[in-house]
Amino acid sequence: HGSVLSGSDRQPRATMWDHQHVPHPSQSPLSWDSQDYDDVQIDLQRDNNGFGFRVIGGEEQGIPVAVGHVLPDGPANGQLQVYDEIRLVNGQSVLGCYHTKVLELIN
């Protein structure tokens, strides 16, 4: 279980979340079987542009929180894939969270 270092911690380093690769969001979330995937924890170093990925999904959108885009030259490149499900941030479950809450936890 990982954590994003932020707030009083000014270091540009983060231990991110457990995540899983999930199907394209156009597929019904009810058909996603998270038991088919392994949880992994990754560590990312924030650069001047952030962590190098965009987040999609959230409770209000009816799909799990996932990676929507990975910047080719960003810190997440090679560690995250598009549609990886984000399950924990800062040791806190984001299952069932709203998109904006997840962004707050990451930043």
PDB file of N, CA and C in Angstrom:
ATOM      1  N   HIS A   1       0.855  -1.167   0.000  1.00  0.00           N
ATOM      2  CA  HIS A   1       0.000   0.000   0.000  1.00  0.00           C
ATOM      3  C   HIS A   1       0.890   1.214   0.000  1.00  0.00           C
ATOM      4  N   GLY A   2       0.614   2.153  -0.854  1.00  0.00           N
ATOM      5  CA  GLY A   2       1.519   3.266  -1.041  1.00  0.00           C
ATOM      6  C   GLY A   2       1.005   4.561  -0.500  1.00  0.00           C
ATOM      7  N   SER A   3       1.821   5.574  -0.658  1.00  0.00           N
ATOM      8  CA  SER A   3       1.417   6.891  -0.196  1.00  0.00           C
ATOM      9  C   SER A   3       1.954   7.946  -1.135  1.00  0.00           C
ATOM     10  N   VAL A   4       1.205   9.008  -1.288  1.00  0.00           N
ATOM     11  CA  VAL A   4       1.684  10.166  -2.019  1.00  0.00           C
ATOM     12  C   VAL A   4       2.177  11.137  -0.978  1.00  0.00           C
ATOM     13  N   LEU A   5       3.408  11.581  -1.127  1.00  0.00           N
ATOM     14  CA  LEU A   5       3.974  12.512  -0.167  1.00  0.00           C
ATOM     15  C   LEU A   5       3.632  13.927  -0.603  1.00  0.00           C
ATOM     16  N   SER A   6       2.939  14.644   0.224  1.00  0.00           N
ATOM     17  CA  SER A   6       2.523  15.998  -0.122  1.00  0.00           C
ATOM     18  C   SER A   6       2.276  16.773   1.155  1.00  0.00           C
ATOM     19  N   GLY A   7       1.727  17.970   1.006  1.00  0.00           N
ATOM     20  CA  GLY A   7       1.422  18.786   2.183  1.00  0.00           C
ATOM     21  C   GLY A   7       2.692  19.251   2.857  1.00  0.00           C
ATOM     22  N   SER A   8       2.913  18.816   4.099  1.00  0.00           N
ATOM     23  CA  SER A   8       4.080  19.270   4.834  1.00  0.00           C
ATOM     24  C   SER A   8       5.370  18.638   4.310  1.00  0.00           C
ATOM     25  N   ASP A   9       5.270  17.577   3.537  1.00  0.00           N
ATOM     26  CA  ASP A   9       6.451  16.957   2.951  1.00  0.00           C
ATOM     27  C   ASP A   9       6.714  17.617   1.610  1.00  0.00           C
ATOM     28  N   ARG A  10       7.774  18.376   1.519  1.00  0.00           N
ATOM     29  CA  ARG A  10       8.063  19.137   0.306  1.00  0.00           C
ATOM     30  C   ARG A  10       8.984  18.406  -0.660  1.00  0.00           C
ATOM     31  N   GLN A  11       9.305  17.161  -0.383  1.00  0.00           N
ATOM     32  CA  GLN A  11      10.163  16.395  -1.262  1.00  0.00           C
ATOM     33  C   GLN A  11       9.415  16.052  -2.549  1.00  0.00           C
ATOM     34  N   PRO A  12      10.081  16.167  -3.705  1.00  0.00           N
ATOM     35  CA  PRO A  12       9.413  15.862  -4.976  1.00  0.00           C
ATOM     36  C   PRO A  12       9.401  14.371  -5.270  1.00  0.00           C
ATOM     37  N   ARG A  13       9.176  13.567  -4.267  1.00  0.00           N
ATOM     38  CA  ARG A  13       9.159  12.114  -4.412  1.00  0.00           C
ATOM     39  C   ARG A  13       7.841  11.587  -3.891  1.00  0.00           C
ATOM     40  N   ALA A  14       7.355  10.547  -4.520  1.00  0.00           N
ATOM     41  CA  ALA A  14       6.097   9.973  -4.051  1.00  0.00           C
ATOM     42  C   ALA A  14       6.130   8.471  -4.178  1.00  0.00           C
ATOM     43  N   THR A  15       5.605   7.821  -3.193  1.00  0.00           N
ATOM     44  CA  THR A  15       5.299   6.405  -3.301  1.00  0.00           C
ATOM     45  C   THR A  15       3.826   6.363  -3.647  1.00  0.00           C
ATOM     46  N   MET A  16       3.518   5.826  -4.798  1.00  0.00           N
ATOM     47  CA  MET A  16       2.150   5.912  -5.276  1.00  0.00           C
ATOM     48  C   MET A  16       1.313   4.755  -4.746  1.00  0.00           C
ATOM     49  N   TRP A  17       0.387   4.304  -5.454  1.00  0.00           N
ATOM     50  CA  TRP A  17      -0.701   3.453  -5.023  1.00  0.00           C
ATOM     51  C   TRP A  17      -0.579   2.052  -5.578  1.00  0.00           C
ATOM     52  N   ASP A  18      -1.355   1.195  -5.020  1.00  0.00           N
ATOM     53  CA  ASP A  18      -1.573  -0.087  -5.671  1.00  0.00           C
ATOM     54  C   ASP A  18      -2.469   0.173  -6.875  1.00  0.00           C
ATOM     55  N   HIS A  19      -2.199  -0.496  -7.957  1.00  0.00           N
ATOM     56  CA  HIS A  19      -3.030  -0.315  -9.145  1.00  0.00           C
ATOM     57  C   HIS A  19      -3.139  -1.627  -9.888  1.00  0.00           C
ATOM     58  N   GLN A  20      -4.126  -1.695 -10.748  1.00  0.00           N
ATOM     59  CA  GLN A  20      -4.355  -2.858 -11.590  1.00  0.00           C
ATOM     60  C   GLN A  20      -4.671  -2.379 -12.993  1.00  0.00           C
ATOM     61  N   HIS A  21      -4.281  -3.153 -13.997  1.00  0.00           N
ATOM     62  CA  HIS A  21      -4.693  -2.851 -15.368  1.00  0.00           C
ATOM     63  C   HIS A  21      -6.122  -3.341 -15.548  1.00  0.00           C
ATOM     64  N   VAL A  22      -6.980  -2.466 -16.033  1.00  0.00           N
ATOM     65  CA  VAL A  22      -8.392  -2.805 -16.193  1.00  0.00           C
ATOM     66  C   VAL A  22      -8.817  -2.586 -17.643  1.00  0.00           C
ATOM     67  N   PRO A  23      -9.942  -3.134 -18.043  1.00  0.00           N
ATOM     68  CA  PRO A  23     -10.430  -2.955 -19.416  1.00  0.00           C
ATOM     69  C   PRO A  23     -10.790  -1.497 -19.718  1.00  0.00           C
ATOM     70  N   HIS A  24     -10.989  -1.216 -20.970  1.00  0.00           N
ATOM     71  CA  HIS A  24     -11.404   0.118 -21.416  1.00  0.00           C
ATOM     72  C   HIS A  24     -12.695   0.511 -20.709  1.00  0.00           C
ATOM     73  N   PRO A  25     -12.803   1.804 -20.273  1.00  0.00           N
ATOM     74  CA  PRO A  25     -14.006   2.223 -19.542  1.00  0.00           C
ATOM     75  C   PRO A  25     -15.309   2.097 -20.306  1.00  0.00           C
ATOM     76  N   SER A  26     -15.244   1.933 -21.629  1.00  0.00           N
ATOM     77  CA  SER A  26     -16.486   1.759 -22.381  1.00  0.00           C
ATOM     78  C   SER A  26     -17.133   0.414 -22.067  1.00  0.00           C
ATOM     79  N   GLN A  27     -16.357  -0.511 -21.513  1.00  0.00           N
ATOM     80  CA  GLN A  27     -16.931  -1.782 -21.086  1.00  0.00           C
ATOM     81  C   GLN A  27     -17.632  -1.574 -19.760  1.00  0.00           C
ATOM     82  N   SER A  28     -18.655  -2.322 -19.527  1.00  0.00           N
ATOM     83  CA  SER A  28     -19.407  -2.183 -18.291  1.00  0.00           C
ATOM     84  C   SER A  28     -18.528  -2.474 -17.089  1.00  0.00           C
ATOM     85  N   PRO A  29     -18.481  -1.549 -16.087  1.00  0.00           N
ATOM     86  CA  PRO A  29     -17.710  -1.816 -14.877  1.00  0.00           C
ATOM     87  C   PRO A  29     -18.149  -3.099 -14.184  1.00  0.00           C
ATOM     88  N   LEU A  30     -19.380  -3.517 -14.405  1.00  0.00           N
ATOM     89  CA  LEU A  30     -19.853  -4.742 -13.779  1.00  0.00           C
ATOM     90  C   LEU A  30     -19.156  -5.972 -14.362  1.00  0.00           C
ATOM     91  N   SER A  31     -18.582  -5.821 -15.566  1.00  0.00           N
ATOM     92  CA  SER A  31     -17.907  -6.949 -16.189  1.00  0.00           C
ATOM     93  C   SER A  31     -16.430  -7.006 -15.812  1.00  0.00           C
ATOM     94  N   TRP A  32     -15.937  -6.008 -15.092  1.00  0.00           N
ATOM     95  CA  TRP A  32     -14.537  -5.992 -14.687  1.00  0.00           C
ATOM     96  C   TRP A  32     -14.374  -6.935 -13.513  1.00  0.00           C
ATOM     97  N   ASP A  33     -13.453  -7.853 -13.604  1.00  0.00           N
ATOM     98  CA  ASP A  33     -13.194  -8.789 -12.513  1.00  0.00           C
ATOM     99  C   ASP A  33     -11.798  -8.529 -11.980  1.00  0.00           C
ATOM    100  N   SER A  34     -11.714  -7.784 -10.877  1.00  0.00           N
ATOM    101  CA  SER A  34     -10.421  -7.384 -10.335  1.00  0.00           C
ATOM    102  C   SER A  34      -9.602  -8.573  -9.860  1.00  0.00           C
ATOM    103  N   GLN A  35     -10.204  -9.728  -9.711  1.00  0.00           N
ATOM    104  CA  GLN A  35      -9.440 -10.892  -9.281  1.00  0.00           C
ATOM    105  C   GLN A  35      -8.567 -11.437 -10.402  1.00  0.00           C
ATOM    106  N   ASP A  36      -8.759 -10.946 -11.623  1.00  0.00           N
ATOM    107  CA  ASP A  36      -7.936 -11.370 -12.746  1.00  0.00           C
ATOM    108  C   ASP A  36      -6.618 -10.610 -12.822  1.00  0.00           C
ATOM    109  N   TYR A  37      -6.373  -9.682 -11.909  1.00  0.00           N
ATOM    110  CA  TYR A  37      -5.218  -8.804 -11.979  1.00  0.00           C
ATOM    111  C   TYR A  37      -4.450  -8.818 -10.669  1.00  0.00           C
ATOM    112  N   ASP A  38      -3.171  -8.493 -10.748  1.00  0.00           N
ATOM    113  CA  ASP A  38      -2.329  -8.407  -9.572  1.00  0.00           C
ATOM    114  C   ASP A  38      -2.200  -6.965  -9.112  1.00  0.00           C
ATOM    115  N   ASP A  39      -2.253  -6.743  -7.805  1.00  0.00           N
ATOM    116  CA  ASP A  39      -1.979  -5.423  -7.244  1.00  0.00           C
ATOM    117  C   ASP A  39      -0.473  -5.211  -7.223  1.00  0.00           C
ATOM    118  N   VAL A  40      -0.049  -4.024  -7.609  1.00  0.00           N
ATOM    119  CA  VAL A  40       1.362  -3.657  -7.539  1.00  0.00           C
ATOM    120  C   VAL A  40       1.479  -2.267  -6.937  1.00  0.00           C
ATOM    121  N   GLN A  41       2.611  -1.998  -6.330  1.00  0.00           N
ATOM    122  CA  GLN A  41       2.877  -0.664  -5.785  1.00  0.00           C
ATOM    123  C   GLN A  41       3.997  -0.055  -6.599  1.00  0.00           C
ATOM    124  N   ILE A  42       3.870   1.229  -6.921  1.00  0.00           N
ATOM    125  CA  ILE A  42       4.919   1.901  -7.676  1.00  0.00           C
ATOM    126  C   ILE A  42       5.372   3.149  -6.936  1.00  0.00           C
ATOM    127  N   ASP A  43       6.597   3.548  -7.210  1.00  0.00           N
ATOM    128  CA  ASP A  43       7.153   4.793  -6.693  1.00  0.00           C
ATOM    129  C   ASP A  43       7.422   5.718  -7.864  1.00  0.00           C
ATOM    130  N   LEU A  44       6.977   6.953  -7.750  1.00  0.00           N
ATOM    131  CA  LEU A  44       7.219   7.937  -8.799  1.00  0.00           C
ATOM    132  C   LEU A  44       7.883   9.167  -8.207  1.00  0.00           C
ATOM    133  N   GLN A  45       8.731   9.806  -8.997  1.00  0.00           N
ATOM    134  CA  GLN A  45       9.327  11.075  -8.617  1.00  0.00           C
ATOM    135  C   GLN A  45       8.624  12.165  -9.416  1.00  0.00           C
ATOM    136  N   ARG A  46       8.067  13.131  -8.720  1.00  0.00           N
ATOM    137  CA  ARG A  46       7.392  14.251  -9.387  1.00  0.00           C
ATOM    138  C   ARG A  46       8.446  15.072 -10.124  1.00  0.00           C
ATOM    139  N   ASP A  47       8.141  15.457 -11.369  1.00  0.00           N
ATOM    140  CA  ASP A  47       9.014  16.400 -12.068  1.00  0.00           C
ATOM    141  C   ASP A  47       8.288  17.737 -12.166  1.00  0.00           C
ATOM    142  N   ASN A  48       8.788  18.646 -12.983  1.00  0.00           N
ATOM    143  CA  ASN A  48       8.174  19.980 -13.095  1.00  0.00           C
ATOM    144  C   ASN A  48       6.755  19.945 -13.620  1.00  0.00           C
ATOM    145  N   ASN A  49       6.376  18.849 -14.291  1.00  0.00           N
ATOM    146  CA  ASN A  49       5.038  18.719 -14.854  1.00  0.00           C
ATOM    147  C   ASN A  49       4.143  17.782 -14.061  1.00  0.00           C
ATOM    148  N   GLY A  50       4.578  17.350 -12.902  1.00  0.00           N
ATOM    149  CA  GLY A  50       3.778  16.450 -12.082  1.00  0.00           C
ATOM    150  C   GLY A  50       4.296  15.029 -12.160  1.00  0.00           C
ATOM    151  N   PHE A  51       3.379  14.067 -12.056  1.00  0.00           N
ATOM    152  CA  PHE A  51       3.759  12.661 -12.058  1.00  0.00           C
ATOM    153  C   PHE A  51       3.688  12.027 -13.442  1.00  0.00           C
ATOM    154  N   GLY A  52       3.207  12.762 -14.438  1.00  0.00           N
ATOM    155  CA  GLY A  52       3.253  12.269 -15.809  1.00  0.00           C
ATOM    156  C   GLY A  52       2.090  11.397 -16.233  1.00  0.00           C
ATOM    157  N   PHE A  53       0.938  11.568 -15.609  1.00  0.00           N
ATOM    158  CA  PHE A  53      -0.239  10.804 -16.022  1.00  0.00           C
ATOM    159  C   PHE A  53      -1.495  11.595 -15.688  1.00  0.00           C
ATOM    160  N   ARG A  54      -2.599  11.212 -16.333  1.00  0.00           N
ATOM    161  CA  ARG A  54      -3.906  11.809 -16.055  1.00  0.00           C
ATOM    162  C   ARG A  54      -4.826  10.742 -15.490  1.00  0.00           C
ATOM    163  N   VAL A  55      -5.732  11.190 -14.636  1.00  0.00           N
ATOM    164  CA  VAL A  55      -6.667  10.290 -13.965  1.00  0.00           C
ATOM    165  C   VAL A  55      -8.038  10.402 -14.626  1.00  0.00           C
ATOM    166  N   ILE A  56      -8.703   9.267 -14.804  1.00  0.00           N
ATOM    167  CA  ILE A  56     -10.087   9.231 -15.286  1.00  0.00           C
ATOM    168  C   ILE A  56     -10.920   8.458 -14.275  1.00  0.00           C
ATOM    169  N   GLY A  57     -12.220   8.575 -14.426  1.00  0.00           N
ATOM    170  CA  GLY A  57     -13.142   7.793 -13.613  1.00  0.00           C
ATOM    171  C   GLY A  57     -13.433   8.401 -12.265  1.00  0.00           C
ATOM    172  N   GLY A  58     -14.195   7.678 -11.501  1.00  0.00           N
ATOM    173  CA  GLY A  58     -14.631   8.119 -10.188  1.00  0.00           C
ATOM    174  C   GLY A  58     -16.082   7.740  -9.984  1.00  0.00           C
ATOM    175  N   GLU A  59     -16.494   7.788  -8.740  1.00  0.00           N
ATOM    176  CA  GLU A  59     -17.857   7.388  -8.371  1.00  0.00           C
ATOM    177  C   GLU A  59     -18.907   8.108  -9.217  1.00  0.00           C
ATOM    178  N   GLU A  60     -18.723   9.407  -9.432  1.00  0.00           N
ATOM    179  CA  GLU A  60     -19.725  10.184 -10.164  1.00  0.00           C
ATOM    180  C   GLU A  60     -19.800   9.793 -11.636  1.00  0.00           C
ATOM    181  N   GLN A  61     -18.753   9.157 -12.152  1.00  0.00           N
ATOM    182  CA  GLN A  61     -18.740   8.735 -13.550  1.00  0.00           C
ATOM    183  C   GLN A  61     -19.152   7.275 -13.714  1.00  0.00           C
ATOM    184  N   GLY A  62     -19.294   6.572 -12.607  1.00  0.00           N
ATOM    185  CA  GLY A  62     -19.741   5.187 -12.651  1.00  0.00           C
ATOM    186  C   GLY A  62     -18.685   4.186 -13.089  1.00  0.00           C
ATOM    187  N   ILE A  63     -17.420   4.614 -13.107  1.00  0.00           N
ATOM    188  CA  ILE A  63     -16.331   3.697 -13.454  1.00  0.00           C
ATOM    189  C   ILE A  63     -15.211   3.852 -12.430  1.00  0.00           C
ATOM    190  N   PRO A  64     -14.410   2.796 -12.246  1.00  0.00           N
ATOM    191  CA  PRO A  64     -13.308   2.896 -11.291  1.00  0.00           C
ATOM    192  C   PRO A  64     -12.316   3.981 -11.684  1.00  0.00           C
ATOM    193  N   VAL A  65     -11.631   4.517 -10.702  1.00  0.00           N
ATOM    194  CA  VAL A  65     -10.571   5.494 -10.951  1.00  0.00           C
ATOM    195  C   VAL A  65      -9.433   4.759 -11.644  1.00  0.00           C
ATOM    196  N   ALA A  66      -8.942   5.344 -12.735  1.00  0.00           N
ATOM    197  CA  ALA A  66      -7.908   4.689 -13.531  1.00  0.00           C
ATOM    198  C   ALA A  66      -6.997   5.722 -14.177  1.00  0.00           C
ATOM    199  N   VAL A  67      -5.933   5.243 -14.777  1.00  0.00           N
ATOM    200  CA  VAL A  67      -5.006   6.078 -15.534  1.00  0.00           C
ATOM    201  C   VAL A  67      -5.612   6.314 -16.908  1.00  0.00           C
ATOM    202  N   GLY A  68      -5.750   7.584 -17.295  1.00  0.00           N
ATOM    203  CA  GLY A  68      -6.340   7.921 -18.581  1.00  0.00           C
ATOM    204  C   GLY A  68      -5.318   8.215 -19.661  1.00  0.00           C
ATOM    205  N   HIS A  69      -4.129   8.654 -19.256  1.00  0.00           N
ATOM    206  CA  HIS A  69      -3.079   9.018 -20.209  1.00  0.00           C
ATOM    207  C   HIS A  69      -1.753   8.999 -19.470  1.00  0.00           C
ATOM    208  N   VAL A  70      -0.717   8.533 -20.128  1.00  0.00           N
ATOM    209  CA  VAL A  70       0.631   8.555 -19.570  1.00  0.00           C
ATOM    210  C   VAL A  70       1.494   9.382 -20.511  1.00  0.00           C
ATOM    211  N   LEU A  71       2.154  10.415 -19.980  1.00  0.00           N
ATOM    212  CA  LEU A  71       3.023  11.254 -20.799  1.00  0.00           C
ATOM    213  C   LEU A  71       4.282  10.472 -21.175  1.00  0.00           C
ATOM    214  N   PRO A  72       4.679  10.519 -22.441  1.00  0.00           N
ATOM    215  CA  PRO A  72       5.828   9.733 -22.901  1.00  0.00           C
ATOM    216  C   PRO A  72       7.122  10.028 -22.148  1.00  0.00           C
ATOM    217  N   ASP A  73       7.343  11.264 -21.751  1.00  0.00           N
ATOM    218  CA  ASP A  73       8.581  11.620 -21.060  1.00  0.00           C
ATOM    219  C   ASP A  73       8.373  11.859 -19.574  1.00  0.00           C
ATOM    220  N   GLY A  74       7.217  11.462 -19.045  1.00  0.00           N
ATOM    221  CA  GLY A  74       6.911  11.710 -17.642  1.00  0.00           C
ATOM    222  C   GLY A  74       7.370  10.592 -16.728  1.00  0.00           C
ATOM    223  N   PRO A  75       7.363  10.848 -15.428  1.00  0.00           N
ATOM    224  CA  PRO A  75       7.801   9.855 -14.443  1.00  0.00           C
ATOM    225  C   PRO A  75       7.004   8.557 -14.468  1.00  0.00           C
ATOM    226  N   ALA A  76       5.748   8.600 -14.876  1.00  0.00           N
ATOM    227  CA  ALA A  76       4.914   7.393 -14.879  1.00  0.00           C
ATOM    228  C   ALA A  76       5.161   6.504 -16.087  1.00  0.00           C
ATOM    229  N   ASN A  77       5.830   7.038 -17.112  1.00  0.00           N
ATOM    230  CA  ASN A  77       6.075   6.259 -18.326  1.00  0.00           C
ATOM    231  C   ASN A  77       6.883   5.009 -17.989  1.00  0.00           C
ATOM    232  N   GLY A  78       6.389   3.857 -18.422  1.00  0.00           N
ATOM    233  CA  GLY A  78       7.046   2.596 -18.154  1.00  0.00           C
ATOM    234  C   GLY A  78       6.619   1.946 -16.845  1.00  0.00           C
ATOM    235  N   GLN A  79       5.886   2.686 -16.010  1.00  0.00           N
ATOM    236  CA  GLN A  79       5.421   2.140 -14.741  1.00  0.00           C
ATOM    237  C   GLN A  79       3.907   1.988 -14.700  1.00  0.00           C
ATOM    238  N   LEU A  80       3.214   2.881 -15.366  1.00  0.00           N
ATOM    239  CA  LEU A  80       1.754   2.829 -15.442  1.00  0.00           C
ATOM    240  C   LEU A  80       1.340   2.644 -16.887  1.00  0.00           C
ATOM    241  N   GLN A  81       0.181   2.039 -17.080  1.00  0.00           N
ATOM    242  CA  GLN A  81      -0.409   1.903 -18.405  1.00  0.00           C
ATOM    243  C   GLN A  81      -1.777   2.557 -18.389  1.00  0.00           C
ATOM    244  N   VAL A  82      -2.208   3.012 -19.563  1.00  0.00           N
ATOM    245  CA  VAL A  82      -3.561   3.547 -19.688  1.00  0.00           C
ATOM    246  C   VAL A  82      -4.531   2.462 -19.247  1.00  0.00           C
ATOM    247  N   TYR A  83      -5.494   2.843 -18.452  1.00  0.00           N
ATOM    248  CA  TYR A  83      -6.558   2.020 -17.868  1.00  0.00           C
ATOM    249  C   TYR A  83      -6.113   1.194 -16.667  1.00  0.00           C
ATOM    250  N   ASP A  84      -4.901   1.420 -16.153  1.00  0.00           N
ATOM    251  CA  ASP A  84      -4.561   0.821 -14.867  1.00  0.00           C
ATOM    252  C   ASP A  84      -5.509   1.399 -13.830  1.00  0.00           C
ATOM    253  N   GLU A  85      -6.130   0.549 -13.041  1.00  0.00           N
ATOM    254  CA  GLU A  85      -7.038   1.000 -11.993  1.00  0.00           C
ATOM    255  C   GLU A  85      -6.216   1.463 -10.794  1.00  0.00           C
ATOM    256  N   ILE A  86      -6.554   2.624 -10.275  1.00  0.00           N
ATOM    257  CA  ILE A  86      -5.897   3.155  -9.077  1.00  0.00           C
ATOM    258  C   ILE A  86      -6.756   2.758  -7.892  1.00  0.00           C
ATOM    259  N   ARG A  87      -6.178   2.006  -6.971  1.00  0.00           N
ATOM    260  CA  ARG A  87      -6.946   1.463  -5.852  1.00  0.00           C
ATOM    261  C   ARG A  87      -6.622   2.126  -4.524  1.00  0.00           C
ATOM    262  N   LEU A  88      -5.388   2.516  -4.336  1.00  0.00           N
ATOM    263  CA  LEU A  88      -4.957   3.164  -3.102  1.00  0.00           C
ATOM    264  C   LEU A  88      -4.084   4.363  -3.428  1.00  0.00           C
ATOM    265  N   VAL A  89      -4.247   5.425  -2.676  1.00  0.00           N
ATOM    266  CA  VAL A  89      -3.356   6.581  -2.735  1.00  0.00           C
ATOM    267  C   VAL A  89      -3.075   6.982  -1.298  1.00  0.00           C
ATOM    268  N   ASN A  90      -1.812   7.140  -0.972  1.00  0.00           N
ATOM    269  CA  ASN A  90      -1.440   7.528   0.381  1.00  0.00           C
ATOM    270  C   ASN A  90      -1.987   6.540   1.416  1.00  0.00           C
ATOM    271  N   GLY A  91      -2.015   5.270   1.039  1.00  0.00           N
ATOM    272  CA  GLY A  91      -2.517   4.236   1.933  1.00  0.00           C
ATOM    273  C   GLY A  91      -4.017   4.240   2.115  1.00  0.00           C
ATOM    274  N   GLN A  92      -4.704   5.132   1.420  1.00  0.00           N
ATOM    275  CA  GLN A  92      -6.152   5.264   1.541  1.00  0.00           C
ATOM    276  C   GLN A  92      -6.831   4.697   0.298  1.00  0.00           C
ATOM    277  N   SER A  93      -7.828   3.863   0.516  1.00  0.00           N
ATOM    278  CA  SER A  93      -8.576   3.308  -0.596  1.00  0.00           C
ATOM    279  C   SER A  93      -9.293   4.425  -1.340  1.00  0.00           C
ATOM    280  N   VAL A  94      -9.246   4.347  -2.661  1.00  0.00           N
ATOM    281  CA  VAL A  94     -10.003   5.304  -3.476  1.00  0.00           C
ATOM    282  C   VAL A  94     -11.148   4.601  -4.202  1.00  0.00           C
ATOM    283  N   LEU A  95     -11.421   3.354  -3.829  1.00  0.00           N
ATOM    284  CA  LEU A  95     -12.565   2.650  -4.402  1.00  0.00           C
ATOM    285  C   LEU A  95     -13.836   3.360  -3.958  1.00  0.00           C
ATOM    286  N   GLY A  96     -14.645   3.767  -4.903  1.00  0.00           N
ATOM    287  CA  GLY A  96     -15.877   4.476  -4.591  1.00  0.00           C
ATOM    288  C   GLY A  96     -15.697   5.963  -4.351  1.00  0.00           C
ATOM    289  N   CYS A  97     -14.492   6.499  -4.567  1.00  0.00           N
ATOM    290  CA  CYS A  97     -14.240   7.933  -4.352  1.00  0.00           C
ATOM    291  C   CYS A  97     -14.599   8.740  -5.599  1.00  0.00           C
ATOM    292  N   TYR A  98     -14.897  10.011  -5.357  1.00  0.00           N
ATOM    293  CA  TYR A  98     -15.113  10.940  -6.450  1.00  0.00           C
ATOM    294  C   TYR A  98     -13.775  11.339  -7.056  1.00  0.00           C
ATOM    295  N   HIS A  99     -13.796  11.672  -8.334  1.00  0.00           N
ATOM    296  CA  HIS A  99     -12.604  12.033  -9.097  1.00  0.00           C
ATOM    297  C   HIS A  99     -11.795  13.121  -8.390  1.00  0.00           C
ATOM    298  N   THR A 100     -12.466  14.174  -7.953  1.00  0.00           N
ATOM    299  CA  THR A 100     -11.745  15.295  -7.331  1.00  0.00           C
ATOM    300  C   THR A 100     -11.057  14.878  -6.024  1.00  0.00           C
ATOM    301  N   LYS A 101     -11.631  13.970  -5.277  1.00  0.00           N
ATOM    302  CA  LYS A 101     -11.005  13.479  -4.044  1.00  0.00           C
ATOM    303  C   LYS A 101      -9.708  12.748  -4.377  1.00  0.00           C
ATOM    304  N   VAL A 102      -9.727  11.936  -5.412  1.00  0.00           N
ATOM    305  CA  VAL A 102      -8.532  11.206  -5.815  1.00  0.00           C
ATOM    306  C   VAL A 102      -7.425  12.190  -6.214  1.00  0.00           C
ATOM    307  N   LEU A 103      -7.786  13.219  -6.979  1.00  0.00           N
ATOM    308  CA  LEU A 103      -6.799  14.219  -7.375  1.00  0.00           C
ATOM    309  C   LEU A 103      -6.216  14.920  -6.157  1.00  0.00           C
ATOM    310  N   GLU A 104      -7.032  15.222  -5.166  1.00  0.00           N
ATOM    311  CA  GLU A 104      -6.534  15.847  -3.934  1.00  0.00           C
ATOM    312  C   GLU A 104      -5.520  14.943  -3.248  1.00  0.00           C
ATOM    313  N   LEU A 105      -5.796  13.646  -3.187  1.00  0.00           N
ATOM    314  CA  LEU A 105      -4.893  12.712  -2.534  1.00  0.00           C
ATOM    315  C   LEU A 105      -3.561  12.587  -3.286  1.00  0.00           C
ATOM    316  N   ILE A 106      -3.623  12.624  -4.612  1.00  0.00           N
ATOM    317  CA  ILE A 106      -2.401  12.511  -5.411  1.00  0.00           C
ATOM    318  C   ILE A 106      -1.560  13.763  -5.278  1.00  0.00           C
ATOM    319  N   ASN A 107      -2.209  14.906  -5.312  1.00  0.00           N
ATOM    320  CA  ASN A 107      -1.448  16.160  -5.244  1.00  0.00           C
ATOM    321  C   ASN A 107      -1.094  16.459  -3.824  1.00  0.00           C
TER     322      ASN A 107
END
